N, C-alpha and C. Protein backbone atom coordinates (compact mmCIF):
# COMPACT_ATOMS: atom_id res chain seq x y z
N MET A 1 13.61 -29.36 -34.43
CA MET A 1 12.42 -28.86 -33.79
C MET A 1 11.96 -27.61 -34.53
N LEU A 2 10.77 -27.65 -35.05
CA LEU A 2 10.22 -26.56 -35.84
C LEU A 2 9.54 -25.50 -34.97
N HIS A 3 8.97 -25.93 -33.86
CA HIS A 3 8.23 -25.03 -32.98
C HIS A 3 8.98 -24.86 -31.65
N LYS A 4 10.18 -24.33 -31.70
CA LYS A 4 11.02 -24.21 -30.50
C LYS A 4 10.38 -23.35 -29.42
N SER A 5 9.78 -22.26 -29.81
CA SER A 5 9.20 -21.37 -28.81
C SER A 5 7.98 -21.99 -28.13
N LEU A 6 7.25 -22.83 -28.83
CA LEU A 6 6.10 -23.48 -28.23
C LEU A 6 6.50 -24.57 -27.25
N GLN A 7 7.54 -25.29 -27.57
CA GLN A 7 7.97 -26.41 -26.74
C GLN A 7 8.28 -25.96 -25.32
N SER A 8 8.96 -24.84 -25.18
CA SER A 8 9.46 -24.44 -23.88
C SER A 8 8.35 -24.26 -22.85
N SER A 9 7.33 -23.50 -23.16
CA SER A 9 6.32 -23.28 -22.13
C SER A 9 4.92 -23.05 -22.67
N ARG A 10 4.82 -22.34 -23.76
CA ARG A 10 3.49 -21.94 -24.25
C ARG A 10 2.60 -23.13 -24.57
N TRP A 11 3.15 -24.16 -25.21
CA TRP A 11 2.32 -25.30 -25.61
C TRP A 11 1.70 -25.97 -24.39
N GLY A 12 2.48 -26.10 -23.34
CA GLY A 12 1.99 -26.74 -22.12
C GLY A 12 0.97 -25.92 -21.37
N GLN A 13 0.84 -24.65 -21.71
CA GLN A 13 -0.16 -23.79 -21.06
C GLN A 13 -1.46 -23.72 -21.85
N MET A 14 -1.43 -24.20 -23.08
CA MET A 14 -2.64 -24.17 -23.91
C MET A 14 -3.60 -25.27 -23.49
N SER A 15 -4.87 -25.00 -23.68
CA SER A 15 -5.88 -26.03 -23.44
C SER A 15 -5.79 -27.08 -24.56
N LEU A 16 -6.43 -28.21 -24.34
CA LEU A 16 -6.47 -29.23 -25.38
C LEU A 16 -7.13 -28.68 -26.64
N TYR A 17 -8.15 -27.85 -26.47
CA TYR A 17 -8.84 -27.26 -27.62
C TYR A 17 -7.90 -26.38 -28.44
N GLU A 18 -7.10 -25.57 -27.75
CA GLU A 18 -6.15 -24.71 -28.45
C GLU A 18 -5.07 -25.53 -29.16
N GLN A 19 -4.58 -26.56 -28.49
CA GLN A 19 -3.57 -27.42 -29.11
C GLN A 19 -4.14 -28.08 -30.36
N MET A 20 -5.33 -28.64 -30.25
CA MET A 20 -5.93 -29.33 -31.39
C MET A 20 -6.27 -28.37 -32.52
N ALA A 21 -6.66 -27.14 -32.20
CA ALA A 21 -6.93 -26.14 -33.24
C ALA A 21 -5.65 -25.82 -34.01
N ASN A 22 -4.53 -25.71 -33.32
CA ASN A 22 -3.26 -25.45 -33.99
C ASN A 22 -2.83 -26.63 -34.86
N ILE A 23 -3.04 -27.83 -34.37
CA ILE A 23 -2.74 -29.03 -35.17
C ILE A 23 -3.62 -29.02 -36.42
N GLY A 24 -4.88 -28.67 -36.24
CA GLY A 24 -5.81 -28.61 -37.36
C GLY A 24 -5.41 -27.59 -38.42
N SER A 25 -4.81 -26.49 -37.99
CA SER A 25 -4.35 -25.48 -38.96
C SER A 25 -3.27 -26.06 -39.87
N GLU A 26 -2.33 -26.80 -39.27
CA GLU A 26 -1.28 -27.43 -40.07
C GLU A 26 -1.85 -28.54 -40.95
N TYR A 27 -2.83 -29.25 -40.44
CA TYR A 27 -3.50 -30.29 -41.23
C TYR A 27 -4.12 -29.67 -42.48
N GLU A 28 -4.82 -28.55 -42.30
CA GLU A 28 -5.46 -27.88 -43.43
C GLU A 28 -4.42 -27.39 -44.43
N ARG A 29 -3.30 -26.87 -43.94
CA ARG A 29 -2.23 -26.44 -44.84
C ARG A 29 -1.70 -27.62 -45.64
N ALA A 30 -1.49 -28.74 -44.97
CA ALA A 30 -0.97 -29.93 -45.66
C ALA A 30 -1.94 -30.38 -46.75
N LYS A 31 -3.23 -30.41 -46.41
CA LYS A 31 -4.24 -30.80 -47.41
C LYS A 31 -4.23 -29.86 -48.61
N ARG A 32 -4.17 -28.57 -48.33
CA ARG A 32 -4.20 -27.58 -49.41
C ARG A 32 -2.98 -27.72 -50.31
N TRP A 33 -1.78 -27.88 -49.72
CA TRP A 33 -0.57 -28.01 -50.53
C TRP A 33 -0.55 -29.32 -51.31
N LYS A 34 -1.13 -30.35 -50.74
CA LYS A 34 -1.22 -31.63 -51.47
C LYS A 34 -2.11 -31.46 -52.71
N GLU A 35 -3.25 -30.79 -52.52
CA GLU A 35 -4.18 -30.57 -53.63
C GLU A 35 -3.54 -29.71 -54.72
N LYS A 36 -2.69 -28.77 -54.32
CA LYS A 36 -2.03 -27.89 -55.29
C LYS A 36 -0.77 -28.53 -55.89
N GLY A 37 -0.37 -29.68 -55.37
CA GLY A 37 0.78 -30.39 -55.92
C GLY A 37 2.13 -29.84 -55.50
N SER A 38 2.17 -29.11 -54.42
CA SER A 38 3.42 -28.56 -53.93
C SER A 38 4.01 -29.49 -52.86
N GLU A 39 4.86 -30.40 -53.30
CA GLU A 39 5.38 -31.43 -52.42
C GLU A 39 6.20 -30.86 -51.27
N LYS A 40 7.05 -29.88 -51.55
CA LYS A 40 7.90 -29.30 -50.49
C LYS A 40 7.05 -28.64 -49.40
N LEU A 41 6.07 -27.84 -49.80
CA LEU A 41 5.21 -27.18 -48.82
C LEU A 41 4.31 -28.19 -48.10
N PHE A 42 3.87 -29.21 -48.82
CA PHE A 42 3.07 -30.28 -48.20
C PHE A 42 3.85 -30.95 -47.07
N TRP A 43 5.08 -31.36 -47.36
CA TRP A 43 5.87 -32.06 -46.34
C TRP A 43 6.23 -31.15 -45.17
N GLY A 44 6.42 -29.86 -45.44
CA GLY A 44 6.66 -28.92 -44.35
C GLY A 44 5.48 -28.84 -43.40
N ALA A 45 4.27 -28.77 -43.95
CA ALA A 45 3.06 -28.72 -43.13
C ALA A 45 2.85 -30.03 -42.38
N VAL A 46 3.13 -31.16 -43.05
CA VAL A 46 3.00 -32.46 -42.38
C VAL A 46 3.97 -32.54 -41.20
N ASP A 47 5.21 -32.12 -41.42
CA ASP A 47 6.20 -32.14 -40.34
C ASP A 47 5.76 -31.28 -39.16
N ARG A 48 5.27 -30.08 -39.44
CA ARG A 48 4.82 -29.20 -38.36
C ARG A 48 3.61 -29.79 -37.64
N MET A 49 2.68 -30.37 -38.39
CA MET A 49 1.50 -30.98 -37.79
C MET A 49 1.90 -32.12 -36.86
N LEU A 50 2.80 -32.97 -37.34
CA LEU A 50 3.23 -34.10 -36.53
C LEU A 50 3.98 -33.65 -35.28
N GLU A 51 4.78 -32.61 -35.41
CA GLU A 51 5.50 -32.11 -34.25
C GLU A 51 4.51 -31.60 -33.18
N LEU A 52 3.51 -30.84 -33.61
CA LEU A 52 2.51 -30.35 -32.66
C LEU A 52 1.71 -31.50 -32.06
N LEU A 53 1.34 -32.46 -32.88
CA LEU A 53 0.59 -33.60 -32.39
C LEU A 53 1.42 -34.42 -31.40
N ASP A 54 2.69 -34.59 -31.70
CA ASP A 54 3.57 -35.32 -30.78
C ASP A 54 3.75 -34.57 -29.46
N MET A 55 3.82 -33.24 -29.51
CA MET A 55 3.92 -32.47 -28.26
C MET A 55 2.63 -32.61 -27.45
N THR A 56 1.49 -32.71 -28.12
CA THR A 56 0.23 -32.92 -27.42
C THR A 56 0.18 -34.31 -26.82
N ILE A 57 0.63 -35.30 -27.56
CA ILE A 57 0.67 -36.67 -27.05
C ILE A 57 1.61 -36.76 -25.84
N ASP A 58 2.71 -36.02 -25.86
CA ASP A 58 3.66 -36.03 -24.76
C ASP A 58 3.21 -35.22 -23.55
N ASP A 59 2.19 -34.39 -23.72
CA ASP A 59 1.68 -33.55 -22.64
C ASP A 59 1.05 -34.45 -21.58
N LYS A 60 1.62 -34.45 -20.39
CA LYS A 60 1.18 -35.34 -19.30
C LYS A 60 -0.28 -35.11 -18.90
N ARG A 61 -0.80 -33.91 -19.18
CA ARG A 61 -2.20 -33.65 -18.81
C ARG A 61 -3.16 -34.55 -19.57
N TRP A 62 -2.75 -35.04 -20.73
CA TRP A 62 -3.65 -35.83 -21.57
C TRP A 62 -3.33 -37.33 -21.48
N HIS A 63 -2.55 -37.72 -20.48
CA HIS A 63 -2.24 -39.15 -20.30
C HIS A 63 -3.34 -39.81 -19.47
N ASN A 64 -4.51 -39.81 -20.03
CA ASN A 64 -5.68 -40.43 -19.45
C ASN A 64 -6.46 -41.06 -20.61
N HIS A 65 -7.76 -41.00 -20.58
CA HIS A 65 -8.56 -41.58 -21.66
C HIS A 65 -8.32 -40.90 -23.01
N ARG A 66 -7.73 -39.71 -23.01
CA ARG A 66 -7.49 -38.99 -24.26
C ARG A 66 -6.27 -39.50 -25.02
N LEU A 67 -5.33 -40.10 -24.32
CA LEU A 67 -4.08 -40.52 -24.95
C LEU A 67 -4.31 -41.49 -26.09
N LYS A 68 -5.16 -42.46 -25.89
CA LYS A 68 -5.43 -43.44 -26.95
C LYS A 68 -6.03 -42.77 -28.19
N GLU A 69 -6.94 -41.82 -27.98
CA GLU A 69 -7.55 -41.12 -29.12
C GLU A 69 -6.51 -40.28 -29.85
N LEU A 70 -5.64 -39.61 -29.12
CA LEU A 70 -4.60 -38.79 -29.75
C LEU A 70 -3.65 -39.65 -30.60
N CYS A 71 -3.27 -40.80 -30.07
CA CYS A 71 -2.38 -41.69 -30.82
C CYS A 71 -3.07 -42.25 -32.05
N ARG A 72 -4.32 -42.59 -31.91
CA ARG A 72 -5.09 -43.10 -33.06
C ARG A 72 -5.30 -42.00 -34.10
N LEU A 73 -5.54 -40.78 -33.63
CA LEU A 73 -5.69 -39.64 -34.54
C LEU A 73 -4.43 -39.46 -35.37
N ARG A 74 -3.27 -39.55 -34.75
CA ARG A 74 -2.00 -39.39 -35.46
C ARG A 74 -1.90 -40.41 -36.60
N GLU A 75 -2.25 -41.63 -36.28
CA GLU A 75 -2.19 -42.71 -37.28
C GLU A 75 -3.18 -42.47 -38.42
N MET A 76 -4.39 -42.09 -38.10
CA MET A 76 -5.43 -41.93 -39.12
C MET A 76 -5.19 -40.71 -40.01
N VAL A 77 -4.71 -39.62 -39.41
CA VAL A 77 -4.44 -38.41 -40.20
C VAL A 77 -3.32 -38.69 -41.19
N LEU A 78 -2.29 -39.39 -40.74
CA LEU A 78 -1.20 -39.75 -41.66
C LEU A 78 -1.70 -40.66 -42.77
N ASP A 79 -2.54 -41.63 -42.41
CA ASP A 79 -3.11 -42.51 -43.44
C ASP A 79 -3.84 -41.70 -44.49
N GLU A 80 -4.64 -40.73 -44.05
CA GLU A 80 -5.40 -39.93 -45.00
C GLU A 80 -4.49 -39.08 -45.88
N LEU A 81 -3.54 -38.39 -45.28
CA LEU A 81 -2.70 -37.47 -46.04
C LEU A 81 -1.73 -38.19 -46.98
N LEU A 82 -1.30 -39.39 -46.62
CA LEU A 82 -0.27 -40.07 -47.42
C LEU A 82 -0.83 -41.09 -48.40
N ASP A 83 -2.09 -41.45 -48.26
CA ASP A 83 -2.68 -42.47 -49.14
C ASP A 83 -3.11 -41.83 -50.45
N GLU A 84 -2.55 -42.30 -51.53
CA GLU A 84 -2.86 -41.75 -52.86
C GLU A 84 -4.06 -42.43 -53.51
N ASP A 85 -4.32 -43.68 -53.16
CA ASP A 85 -5.34 -44.46 -53.87
C ASP A 85 -6.74 -44.32 -53.29
N THR A 86 -6.84 -44.25 -51.98
CA THR A 86 -8.14 -44.26 -51.33
C THR A 86 -8.39 -42.95 -50.62
N ARG A 87 -9.57 -42.42 -50.77
CA ARG A 87 -9.95 -41.20 -50.05
C ARG A 87 -10.50 -41.63 -48.71
N MET A 88 -9.74 -41.38 -47.68
CA MET A 88 -10.17 -41.77 -46.34
C MET A 88 -10.90 -40.60 -45.69
N THR A 89 -11.14 -40.72 -44.41
CA THR A 89 -11.84 -39.70 -43.66
C THR A 89 -11.15 -38.34 -43.80
N ASP A 90 -11.95 -37.32 -43.99
CA ASP A 90 -11.46 -35.94 -44.01
C ASP A 90 -11.64 -35.40 -42.59
N PHE A 91 -10.55 -34.96 -41.98
CA PHE A 91 -10.58 -34.51 -40.60
C PHE A 91 -10.85 -33.02 -40.47
N SER A 92 -11.23 -32.35 -41.52
CA SER A 92 -11.48 -30.91 -41.46
C SER A 92 -12.56 -30.56 -40.44
N LYS A 93 -13.67 -31.25 -40.48
CA LYS A 93 -14.77 -30.98 -39.54
C LYS A 93 -14.36 -31.30 -38.11
N TYR A 94 -13.60 -32.37 -37.94
CA TYR A 94 -13.12 -32.76 -36.61
C TYR A 94 -12.29 -31.63 -36.01
N PHE A 95 -11.31 -31.12 -36.75
CA PHE A 95 -10.45 -30.07 -36.24
C PHE A 95 -11.18 -28.73 -36.13
N MET A 96 -12.13 -28.46 -37.00
CA MET A 96 -12.86 -27.19 -36.96
C MET A 96 -13.61 -27.03 -35.64
N GLN A 97 -14.12 -28.11 -35.10
CA GLN A 97 -14.82 -28.03 -33.82
C GLN A 97 -13.91 -27.49 -32.72
N PHE A 98 -12.65 -27.91 -32.73
CA PHE A 98 -11.71 -27.42 -31.73
C PHE A 98 -11.43 -25.93 -31.93
N SER A 99 -11.37 -25.50 -33.17
CA SER A 99 -11.13 -24.07 -33.45
C SER A 99 -12.29 -23.23 -32.92
N TRP A 100 -13.50 -23.68 -33.12
CA TRP A 100 -14.67 -22.95 -32.62
C TRP A 100 -14.64 -22.85 -31.11
N ILE A 101 -14.34 -23.95 -30.45
CA ILE A 101 -14.34 -23.96 -28.98
C ILE A 101 -13.18 -23.10 -28.45
N ALA A 102 -12.04 -23.17 -29.10
CA ALA A 102 -10.86 -22.42 -28.62
C ALA A 102 -11.07 -20.92 -28.73
N ARG A 103 -11.87 -20.49 -29.67
CA ARG A 103 -12.13 -19.05 -29.83
C ARG A 103 -13.00 -18.58 -28.72
């Protein structure tokens, strides 16, 4: 567990916007490290992003119409970050909207 302090209570107190903004920060780090060719830092950011996304998916507050979108987001973000041949959707704008709202 990379985010031990968040798991206990803080993550569950954050709004969906705050959770998604934090996930987006790790997504941006992963993208940046991939572009710079730093495999170790890339995988660290991917691991942190997935952990935060999984904690959001596990958050019972979002077990409604949002759950399907969160699970699909996890799949699509991984496809984009791990696919070497095809440039898929860039989720920067998607996550940036959550950062603006969370502020």
